[in-house]
Amino acid sequence: MEDKKKKMIIMSLIWTIAAIVLIVVDAVTKYAIKTNIEYAQKVEVIPGFFYLHHVRNTGSAFSFLADQSWGIYVLTGFSLIVGLAIFVLLIYTSANGYKFISFALTLLVAGAFGNLIDRIRLGYVVDFLRFDFGSYTFPIFNFADICAVCGTIIIIATGIFANKYFDGYLSSIRKKEQ
């Protein structure tokens, strides 16, 4: 096997393992919450600001579709399709040396599959990180959500601030499609 192909396989494997590690971290934190904090219980960590609050989200971000009986099925299917598409993009990206975007896509894959596993296994997503700002409570979230948001921010920031890098990446994808 030539060195370039070997390096491409190794890089793809490294980013895949990183995504799996993040998915495991997400699963472990959710398991710890489920086994140590009763459902709907709130444990104050920083008085008046940060709590561990065990909740079940049958929807997506900000409980979108949570009140729909069919919502979990739509979100599960959507998460599976998007997660797989991002994973394929991650393999291509990592194999072609785009480390910064590979990092962002790894976070996105971990976020998508972390919550997908909950939806399939439990029929809801375990959320537990709660922040209160005075009378406002930010929507409760989990580690997979952090991964997804950070990955999204990195992609957007790369597109805005590292325009040349991002353009090169997009051009390589277009060439591959032709």
Protein backbone atom coordinates (compact mmCIF):
# COMPACT_ATOMS: atom_id res chain seq x y z
CA MET A 1 0.00 0.00 0.00
CA GLU A 2 1.40 3.37 -0.92
CA ASP A 3 2.19 5.88 1.83
CA LYS A 4 -0.51 8.40 0.85
CA LYS A 5 -3.31 5.81 1.03
CA LYS A 6 -1.94 4.49 4.31
CA LYS A 7 -1.89 8.01 5.78
CA MET A 8 -5.46 8.65 4.55
CA ILE A 9 -6.70 5.47 6.24
CA ILE A 10 -4.86 6.27 9.47
CA MET A 11 -6.25 9.83 9.61
CA SER A 12 -9.79 8.59 8.96
CA LEU A 13 -9.36 6.01 11.70
CA ILE A 14 -8.02 8.57 14.18
CA TRP A 15 -10.98 10.93 13.67
CA THR A 16 -13.43 8.02 13.83
CA ILE A 17 -11.92 6.86 17.13
CA ALA A 18 -12.11 10.44 18.44
CA ALA A 19 -15.82 10.55 17.58
CA ILE A 20 -16.38 7.22 19.32
CA VAL A 21 -14.56 8.47 22.44
CA LEU A 22 -16.81 11.57 22.52
CA ILE A 23 -19.92 9.39 22.08
CA VAL A 24 -18.76 7.22 24.99
CA VAL A 25 -18.16 10.32 27.16
CA ASP A 26 -21.71 11.44 26.34
CA ALA A 27 -23.13 8.01 27.21
CA VAL A 28 -21.18 7.84 30.48
CA THR A 29 -22.35 11.30 31.60
CA LYS A 30 -25.96 10.43 30.80
CA TYR A 31 -25.65 7.10 32.61
CA ALA A 32 -24.19 8.88 35.66
CA ILE A 33 -27.11 11.29 35.70
CA LYS A 34 -29.72 8.54 35.26
CA THR A 35 -28.25 6.42 38.06
CA ASN A 36 -27.47 9.20 40.55
CA ILE A 37 -30.17 11.81 40.06
CA GLU A 38 -33.86 10.99 40.04
CA TYR A 39 -35.91 12.04 37.02
CA ALA A 40 -36.89 15.74 37.34
CA GLN A 41 -34.55 16.19 40.33
CA LYS A 42 -32.37 19.30 40.33
CA VAL A 43 -28.99 19.36 42.11
CA GLU A 44 -27.51 22.79 42.71
CA VAL A 45 -23.81 22.99 41.75
CA ILE A 46 -23.28 26.77 41.66
CA PRO A 47 -25.99 28.48 43.73
CA GLY A 48 -28.54 30.30 41.61
CA PHE A 49 -26.66 29.62 38.36
CA PHE A 50 -25.70 26.01 37.48
CA TYR A 51 -27.62 22.82 38.22
CA LEU A 52 -27.59 19.18 37.27
CA HIS A 53 -31.26 18.70 36.39
CA HIS A 54 -32.31 15.29 35.07
CA VAL A 55 -34.90 15.78 32.31
CA ARG A 56 -36.13 13.80 29.32
CA ASN A 57 -36.34 15.52 25.96
CA THR A 58 -38.54 13.79 23.40
CA GLY A 59 -37.87 16.57 20.91
CA SER A 60 -34.72 18.13 19.52
CA ALA A 61 -33.06 21.46 20.30
CA PHE A 62 -35.25 23.63 22.52
CA SER A 63 -37.70 20.67 22.70
CA PHE A 64 -38.74 21.14 19.06
CA LEU A 65 -41.37 18.47 18.19
CA ALA A 66 -41.46 17.30 21.82
CA ASP A 67 -45.25 17.50 21.97
CA GLN A 68 -45.76 15.39 18.85
CA SER A 69 -46.19 11.63 19.32
CA TRP A 70 -44.55 11.03 15.94
CA GLY A 71 -41.76 13.56 16.59
CA ILE A 72 -39.32 11.04 18.05
CA TYR A 73 -39.53 8.93 14.88
CA VAL A 74 -38.94 11.91 12.59
CA LEU A 75 -36.02 13.09 14.71
CA THR A 76 -34.53 9.59 14.89
CA GLY A 77 -34.67 9.17 11.11
CA PHE A 78 -33.35 12.67 10.51
CA SER A 79 -30.51 12.19 13.02
CA LEU A 80 -29.54 8.88 11.44
CA ILE A 81 -29.45 10.28 7.89
CA VAL A 82 -27.63 13.48 8.86
CA GLY A 83 -25.24 11.63 11.17
CA LEU A 84 -24.30 9.16 8.44
CA ALA A 85 -23.88 11.94 5.86
CA ILE A 86 -21.61 13.89 8.22
CA PHE A 87 -19.63 10.72 8.95
CA VAL A 88 -19.06 10.09 5.23
CA LEU A 89 -17.98 13.72 4.87
CA LEU A 90 -15.66 13.27 7.87
CA ILE A 91 -13.99 10.26 6.26
CA TYR A 92 -13.46 12.20 3.02
CA THR A 93 -12.27 15.31 4.86
CA SER A 94 -9.84 13.51 7.15
CA ALA A 95 -8.44 11.45 4.27
CA ASN A 96 -7.70 14.68 2.38
CA GLY A 97 -5.89 16.44 5.21
CA TYR A 98 -8.46 19.01 6.29
CA LYS A 99 -7.70 18.70 10.01
CA PHE A 100 -9.64 21.72 11.26
CA ILE A 101 -12.83 20.75 9.44
CA SER A 102 -12.27 17.11 10.41
CA PHE A 103 -12.24 18.22 14.05
CA ALA A 104 -15.53 20.10 13.58
CA LEU A 105 -17.14 17.16 11.76
CA THR A 106 -15.95 14.79 14.51
CA LEU A 107 -17.80 16.94 17.03
CA LEU A 108 -20.91 16.98 14.83
CA VAL A 109 -20.84 13.19 14.38
CA ALA A 110 -20.46 12.70 18.14
CA GLY A 111 -23.35 15.06 18.85
CA ALA A 112 -25.65 13.47 16.28
CA PHE A 113 -24.93 9.87 17.28
CA GLY A 114 -24.80 10.59 21.03
CA ASN A 115 -28.38 11.80 21.01
CA LEU A 116 -29.45 9.28 18.35
CA ILE A 117 -28.44 6.41 20.65
CA ASP A 118 -30.70 7.82 23.38
CA ARG A 119 -33.63 8.25 20.98
CA ILE A 120 -33.34 4.66 19.75
CA ARG A 121 -32.63 3.10 23.17
CA LEU A 122 -34.88 5.20 25.41
CA GLY A 123 -37.34 7.05 23.18
CA TYR A 124 -36.02 10.36 24.53
CA VAL A 125 -32.74 12.18 25.11
CA VAL A 126 -31.33 12.60 28.62
CA ASP A 127 -30.53 16.27 29.25
CA PHE A 128 -29.03 17.51 32.50
CA LEU A 129 -26.97 20.72 32.23
CA ARG A 130 -29.04 23.67 33.39
CA PHE A 131 -27.98 27.30 33.61
CA ASP A 132 -30.15 30.02 35.15
CA PHE A 133 -29.59 33.68 34.40
CA GLY A 134 -31.79 35.46 36.91
CA SER A 135 -35.36 34.44 36.09
CA TYR A 136 -34.34 33.01 32.70
CA THR A 137 -33.46 29.32 32.43
CA PHE A 138 -31.43 28.42 29.36
CA PRO A 139 -32.77 25.24 27.69
CA ILE A 140 -31.32 22.19 29.46
CA PHE A 141 -28.78 20.28 27.38
CA ASN A 142 -26.14 17.50 27.47
CA PHE A 143 -22.58 16.70 26.32
CA ALA A 144 -23.70 15.60 22.82
CA ASP A 145 -25.38 18.99 22.38
CA ILE A 146 -22.14 20.73 23.37
CA CYS A 147 -20.28 18.71 20.72
CA ALA A 148 -22.85 19.55 18.03
CA VAL A 149 -22.89 23.27 18.84
CA CYS A 150 -19.09 23.55 19.02
CA GLY A 151 -18.74 21.67 15.71
CA THR A 152 -21.26 24.00 14.08
CA ILE A 153 -19.51 27.10 15.44
CA ILE A 154 -16.15 25.87 14.14
CA ILE A 155 -17.59 25.24 10.65
CA ILE A 156 -19.22 28.68 10.55
CA ALA A 157 -16.12 30.43 11.92
CA THR A 158 -13.93 28.62 9.39
CA GLY A 159 -16.23 29.74 6.59
CA ILE A 160 -16.11 33.33 7.80
CA PHE A 161 -12.57 33.80 9.10
CA ALA A 162 -10.57 31.19 7.20
CA ASN A 163 -12.25 31.79 3.89
CA LYS A 164 -9.34 30.56 1.76
CA TYR A 165 -9.07 27.29 3.72
CA PHE A 166 -12.82 26.70 3.55
CA ASP A 167 -12.96 27.55 -0.18
CA GLY A 168 -10.19 25.03 -0.83
CA TYR A 169 -12.15 22.43 1.08
CA LEU A 170 -15.38 23.13 -0.83
CA SER A 171 -13.48 23.07 -4.15
CA SER A 172 -12.04 19.64 -3.31
CA ILE A 173 -15.55 18.32 -2.65
CA ARG A 174 -16.85 19.73 -5.96
CA LYS A 175 -13.96 18.13 -7.86
CA LYS A 176 -14.69 14.80 -6.22
CA GLU A 177 -18.37 14.96 -7.32
CA GLN A 178 -17.47 15.56 -10.99
